[in-house]
Amino acid sequence: LDDDGDNGLDPKDVIVVPAFEKKLNEDCETLEACQEYMEKDVKFIPRDIQELKEQIIAGECIVFQSDINRDGHHTTNTKEWIESSYDQLSSKRGLKSIECFESYRYEPFVVIPWCALKSNAEQLLMRRPGPRSPYFDERFYGYGKNKIQHIAHMRRIGFQFMVMPPTGFITHFPHPVSSTKETWNDTKHFDLHTKMDLLFPQFLKDLEKEYSPSLEQTPICRK
């Protein structure tokens, strides 16, 4: 990375890492039971693009949560990504720019430097003290909306999002449902889901009040 923007990524560039998940015929009830799949088959989690393609065709892998949360990762345009070759990818070192977000609910997994680079950290911190990316809003707790609000915050203050070339990806490993997720799902006995759902639109309004519209580099797509 190059903080001066002349050769490499700029300070407000975010790398999106395409995400997938392994599907099981039956959920494993314990973490040990989930780990047994990996112990029995080293290819259980795809290790490269070719194995990923094979598992997608076989229905063993899907885009992360695409069966229950389409908006979460659809903007990444994973189908085009996995079919692309290097000569089709342009921009900075094979990174493909995302021109707009298809939804406010877009929540990709991203890579972004936390601090300035050592070579010119002192100069950069003099201009803008503190970390490059915003902090997570601590009003979002437990399960739900925390990653979405962080991505929304970065988009609103001018970060630009680019999908990495098909040289790597991440895959969600199956695991038992956490107690926090159970609380989120149990709307009959807990209000966590409702609270976070109500807080998110208020958070977006807070961003509109705090930041100038001119900062925004990646708009919401027009339908």
Protein backbone atom coordinates (compact mmCIF):
# COMPACT_ATOMS: atom_id res chain seq x y z
CA LEU A 1 0.00 0.00 0.00
CA ASP A 2 1.11 3.53 -0.72
CA ASP A 3 -0.34 6.33 1.36
CA ASP A 4 0.52 9.07 -1.11
CA GLY A 5 -1.81 7.54 -3.71
CA ASP A 6 0.80 7.62 -6.48
CA ASN A 7 1.51 3.92 -6.70
CA GLY A 8 -0.92 1.50 -5.11
CA LEU A 9 -3.97 1.86 -2.91
CA ASP A 10 -5.14 5.18 -1.56
CA PRO A 11 -5.81 5.75 2.15
CA LYS A 12 -9.55 5.34 1.65
CA ASP A 13 -9.52 2.19 -0.45
CA VAL A 14 -11.22 -0.92 0.94
CA ILE A 15 -10.56 -4.42 -0.42
CA VAL A 16 -13.63 -6.67 -0.52
CA VAL A 17 -12.87 -10.37 -0.09
CA PRO A 18 -15.53 -12.62 -1.70
CA ALA A 19 -17.11 -14.85 0.93
CA PHE A 20 -18.63 -18.31 0.71
CA GLU A 21 -20.02 -20.88 3.09
CA LYS A 22 -19.94 -24.65 3.27
CA LYS A 23 -23.37 -26.29 3.27
CA LEU A 24 -24.11 -29.47 5.20
CA ASN A 25 -26.98 -31.92 4.76
CA GLU A 26 -27.43 -31.88 8.52
CA ASP A 27 -26.21 -29.25 10.98
CA CYS A 28 -23.52 -30.40 13.39
CA GLU A 29 -24.57 -30.00 17.02
CA THR A 30 -21.08 -29.50 18.48
CA LEU A 31 -17.91 -27.78 17.32
CA GLU A 32 -16.07 -31.10 17.58
CA ALA A 33 -18.60 -32.71 15.25
CA CYS A 34 -18.07 -29.91 12.74
CA GLN A 35 -14.30 -30.28 12.94
CA GLU A 36 -14.57 -33.98 12.16
CA TYR A 37 -15.59 -33.11 8.61
CA MET A 38 -12.23 -31.42 8.08
CA GLU A 39 -10.34 -34.28 9.72
CA LYS A 40 -11.96 -36.78 7.37
CA ASP A 41 -11.55 -34.72 4.19
CA VAL A 42 -8.82 -32.09 3.70
CA LYS A 43 -10.83 -30.72 0.77
CA PHE A 44 -13.90 -30.16 2.94
CA ILE A 45 -13.17 -26.43 2.79
CA PRO A 46 -12.02 -25.42 -0.74
CA ARG A 47 -8.33 -24.56 -0.83
CA ASP A 48 -8.21 -22.78 -4.19
CA ILE A 49 -10.44 -21.33 -6.90
CA GLN A 50 -10.74 -24.62 -8.78
CA GLU A 51 -11.93 -26.52 -5.72
CA LEU A 52 -14.30 -23.67 -4.93
CA LYS A 53 -15.83 -23.85 -8.42
CA GLU A 54 -16.26 -27.62 -8.11
CA GLN A 55 -18.02 -27.32 -4.77
CA ILE A 56 -20.31 -24.55 -6.05
CA ILE A 57 -21.33 -26.70 -9.03
CA ALA A 58 -21.95 -29.63 -6.66
CA GLY A 59 -24.08 -27.42 -4.41
CA GLU A 60 -21.69 -27.89 -1.51
CA CYS A 61 -20.71 -24.19 -1.31
CA ILE A 62 -22.73 -21.03 -1.84
CA VAL A 63 -22.09 -17.30 -1.57
CA PHE A 64 -22.17 -16.51 2.13
CA GLN A 65 -25.79 -16.41 3.39
CA SER A 66 -27.14 -15.99 -0.15
CA ASP A 67 -29.99 -18.37 0.71
CA ILE A 68 -31.23 -16.23 3.64
CA ASN A 69 -29.71 -12.75 3.15
CA ARG A 70 -29.32 -11.87 -0.53
CA ASP A 71 -28.48 -8.21 0.10
CA GLY A 72 -25.59 -9.07 2.38
CA HIS A 73 -23.10 -9.93 -0.38
CA HIS A 74 -24.88 -9.57 -3.74
CA THR A 75 -23.15 -6.27 -4.58
CA THR A 76 -19.83 -8.15 -4.77
CA ASN A 77 -21.15 -9.76 -7.99
CA THR A 78 -19.50 -13.06 -7.15
CA LYS A 79 -20.68 -14.87 -10.30
CA GLU A 80 -18.73 -12.46 -12.49
CA TRP A 81 -15.80 -12.58 -10.07
CA ILE A 82 -15.39 -16.34 -10.11
CA GLU A 83 -15.70 -16.52 -13.92
CA SER A 84 -13.29 -13.67 -14.59
CA SER A 85 -9.70 -13.88 -15.71
CA TYR A 86 -6.89 -11.44 -15.05
CA ASP A 87 -7.14 -9.75 -18.45
CA GLN A 88 -10.79 -8.90 -17.72
CA LEU A 89 -9.90 -7.12 -14.50
CA SER A 90 -8.75 -3.53 -14.64
CA SER A 91 -7.97 -0.75 -12.17
CA LYS A 92 -5.41 -0.95 -9.40
CA ARG A 93 -3.42 -4.19 -9.47
CA GLY A 94 -6.37 -6.32 -10.58
CA LEU A 95 -8.87 -4.80 -8.14
CA LYS A 96 -12.36 -4.24 -9.55
CA SER A 97 -14.13 -1.09 -8.34
CA ILE A 98 -17.67 -1.29 -6.97
CA GLU A 99 -19.54 1.59 -8.59
CA CYS A 100 -22.55 1.51 -6.26
CA PHE A 101 -24.13 -0.48 -3.44
CA GLU A 102 -27.27 -2.40 -4.37
CA SER A 103 -28.50 -2.18 -0.78
CA TYR A 104 -27.85 -0.39 2.50
CA ARG A 105 -27.59 -3.92 3.92
CA TYR A 106 -24.40 -4.76 2.03
CA GLU A 107 -21.94 -6.25 4.55
CA PRO A 108 -18.88 -7.73 2.82
CA PHE A 109 -15.79 -8.95 4.59
CA VAL A 110 -13.11 -6.35 3.92
CA VAL A 111 -9.42 -5.65 4.36
CA ILE A 112 -8.32 -2.15 5.32
CA PRO A 113 -5.19 -0.89 7.06
CA TRP A 114 -5.91 0.14 10.63
CA CYS A 115 -3.04 2.59 10.93
CA ALA A 116 -0.83 4.62 8.62
CA LEU A 117 2.18 2.91 7.07
CA LYS A 118 5.42 3.19 9.01
CA SER A 119 7.24 4.99 6.18
CA ASN A 120 5.11 8.10 6.47
CA ALA A 121 2.94 7.46 9.52
CA GLU A 122 4.12 10.56 11.37
CA GLN A 123 3.23 12.86 8.47
CA LEU A 124 -0.16 11.24 7.92
CA LEU A 125 -1.11 11.30 11.59
CA MET A 126 -0.28 15.00 11.76
CA ARG A 127 -2.94 15.61 9.09
CA ARG A 128 -5.53 13.28 10.59
CA PRO A 129 -4.84 11.78 14.03
CA GLY A 130 -6.26 8.38 14.87
CA PRO A 131 -7.07 5.23 12.89
CA ARG A 132 -7.96 5.27 9.20
CA SER A 133 -11.33 3.56 9.51
CA PRO A 134 -14.16 4.57 11.84
CA TYR A 135 -14.79 2.68 15.04
CA PHE A 136 -17.72 0.30 15.35
CA ASP A 137 -20.72 2.02 16.89
CA GLU A 138 -21.08 0.48 20.35
CA ARG A 139 -24.84 1.01 20.34
CA PHE A 140 -24.92 -2.14 18.21
CA TYR A 141 -24.30 -5.09 20.49
CA GLY A 142 -24.85 -8.83 20.59
CA TYR A 143 -25.77 -10.11 17.14
CA GLY A 144 -26.91 -8.20 14.08
CA LYS A 145 -26.29 -4.96 12.21
CA ASN A 146 -22.80 -4.24 13.62
CA LYS A 147 -20.90 -5.11 10.43
CA ILE A 148 -23.56 -3.47 8.25
CA GLN A 149 -23.29 -0.19 10.15
CA HIS A 150 -19.49 -0.19 9.92
CA ILE A 151 -19.58 -0.68 6.13
CA ALA A 152 -22.29 2.00 5.84
CA HIS A 153 -20.13 4.40 7.86
CA MET A 154 -17.10 3.86 5.62
CA ARG A 155 -19.18 4.30 2.47
CA ARG A 156 -20.69 7.51 3.77
CA ILE A 157 -17.35 9.16 4.58
CA GLY A 158 -15.78 8.48 1.22
CA PHE A 159 -14.16 5.06 1.28
CA GLN A 160 -14.08 3.32 -2.09
CA PHE A 161 -14.67 -0.42 -2.30
CA MET A 162 -12.84 -2.75 -4.66
CA VAL A 163 -13.16 -6.52 -5.06
CA MET A 164 -9.90 -8.43 -4.95
CA PRO A 165 -8.91 -10.53 -7.99
CA PRO A 166 -9.76 -14.27 -8.03
CA THR A 167 -6.59 -15.22 -6.21
CA GLY A 168 -8.19 -15.75 -2.82
CA PHE A 169 -11.46 -15.88 -0.90
CA ILE A 170 -12.81 -16.78 2.52
CA THR A 171 -15.09 -19.66 3.44
CA HIS A 172 -17.32 -19.82 6.49
CA PHE A 173 -16.73 -23.02 8.45
CA PRO A 174 -19.89 -24.71 9.80
CA HIS A 175 -20.43 -24.39 13.54
CA PRO A 176 -23.27 -24.77 16.05
CA VAL A 177 -25.61 -21.82 16.51
CA SER A 178 -24.26 -19.50 19.20
CA SER A 179 -26.32 -18.48 22.23
CA THR A 180 -26.24 -14.88 20.94
CA LYS A 181 -27.71 -15.95 17.59
CA GLU A 182 -30.40 -17.90 19.44
CA THR A 183 -31.27 -14.74 21.35
CA TRP A 184 -31.43 -12.80 18.07
CA ASN A 185 -33.77 -15.37 16.53
CA ASP A 186 -36.03 -15.67 19.58
CA THR A 187 -38.13 -12.54 19.11
CA LYS A 188 -40.83 -13.94 21.37
CA HIS A 189 -38.69 -13.78 24.51
CA PHE A 190 -36.01 -11.21 23.60
CA ASP A 191 -36.08 -7.74 22.01
CA LEU A 192 -32.50 -7.68 20.66
CA HIS A 193 -33.58 -8.16 17.03
CA THR A 194 -36.20 -5.41 17.24
CA LYS A 195 -33.83 -2.96 18.95
CA MET A 196 -31.08 -3.37 16.36
CA ASP A 197 -33.56 -3.18 13.46
CA LEU A 198 -34.90 0.12 14.80
CA LEU A 199 -31.44 1.50 15.55
CA PHE A 200 -30.00 1.00 12.06
CA PRO A 201 -32.18 3.52 10.17
CA GLN A 202 -31.53 6.00 12.98
CA PHE A 203 -27.81 5.39 12.54
CA LEU A 204 -28.10 6.20 8.82
CA LYS A 205 -29.85 9.46 9.70
CA ASP A 206 -27.06 10.27 12.15
CA LEU A 207 -24.52 9.84 9.34
CA GLU A 208 -26.49 12.20 7.09
CA LYS A 209 -26.44 14.87 9.79
CA GLU A 210 -22.75 14.48 10.60
CA TYR A 211 -21.13 14.29 7.16
CA SER A 212 -21.31 16.37 4.00
CA PRO A 213 -22.86 14.65 0.95
CA SER A 214 -19.74 15.59 -1.03
CA LEU A 215 -17.69 13.01 0.91
CA GLU A 216 -19.61 10.06 -0.49
CA GLN A 217 -17.78 8.25 -3.30
CA THR A 218 -19.88 5.10 -3.63
CA PRO A 219 -23.62 5.81 -3.96
CA ILE A 220 -26.57 3.49 -3.53
CA CYS A 221 -27.53 2.09 -6.95
CA ARG A 222 -30.54 3.64 -8.64
CA LYS A 223 -33.23 1.12 -9.49
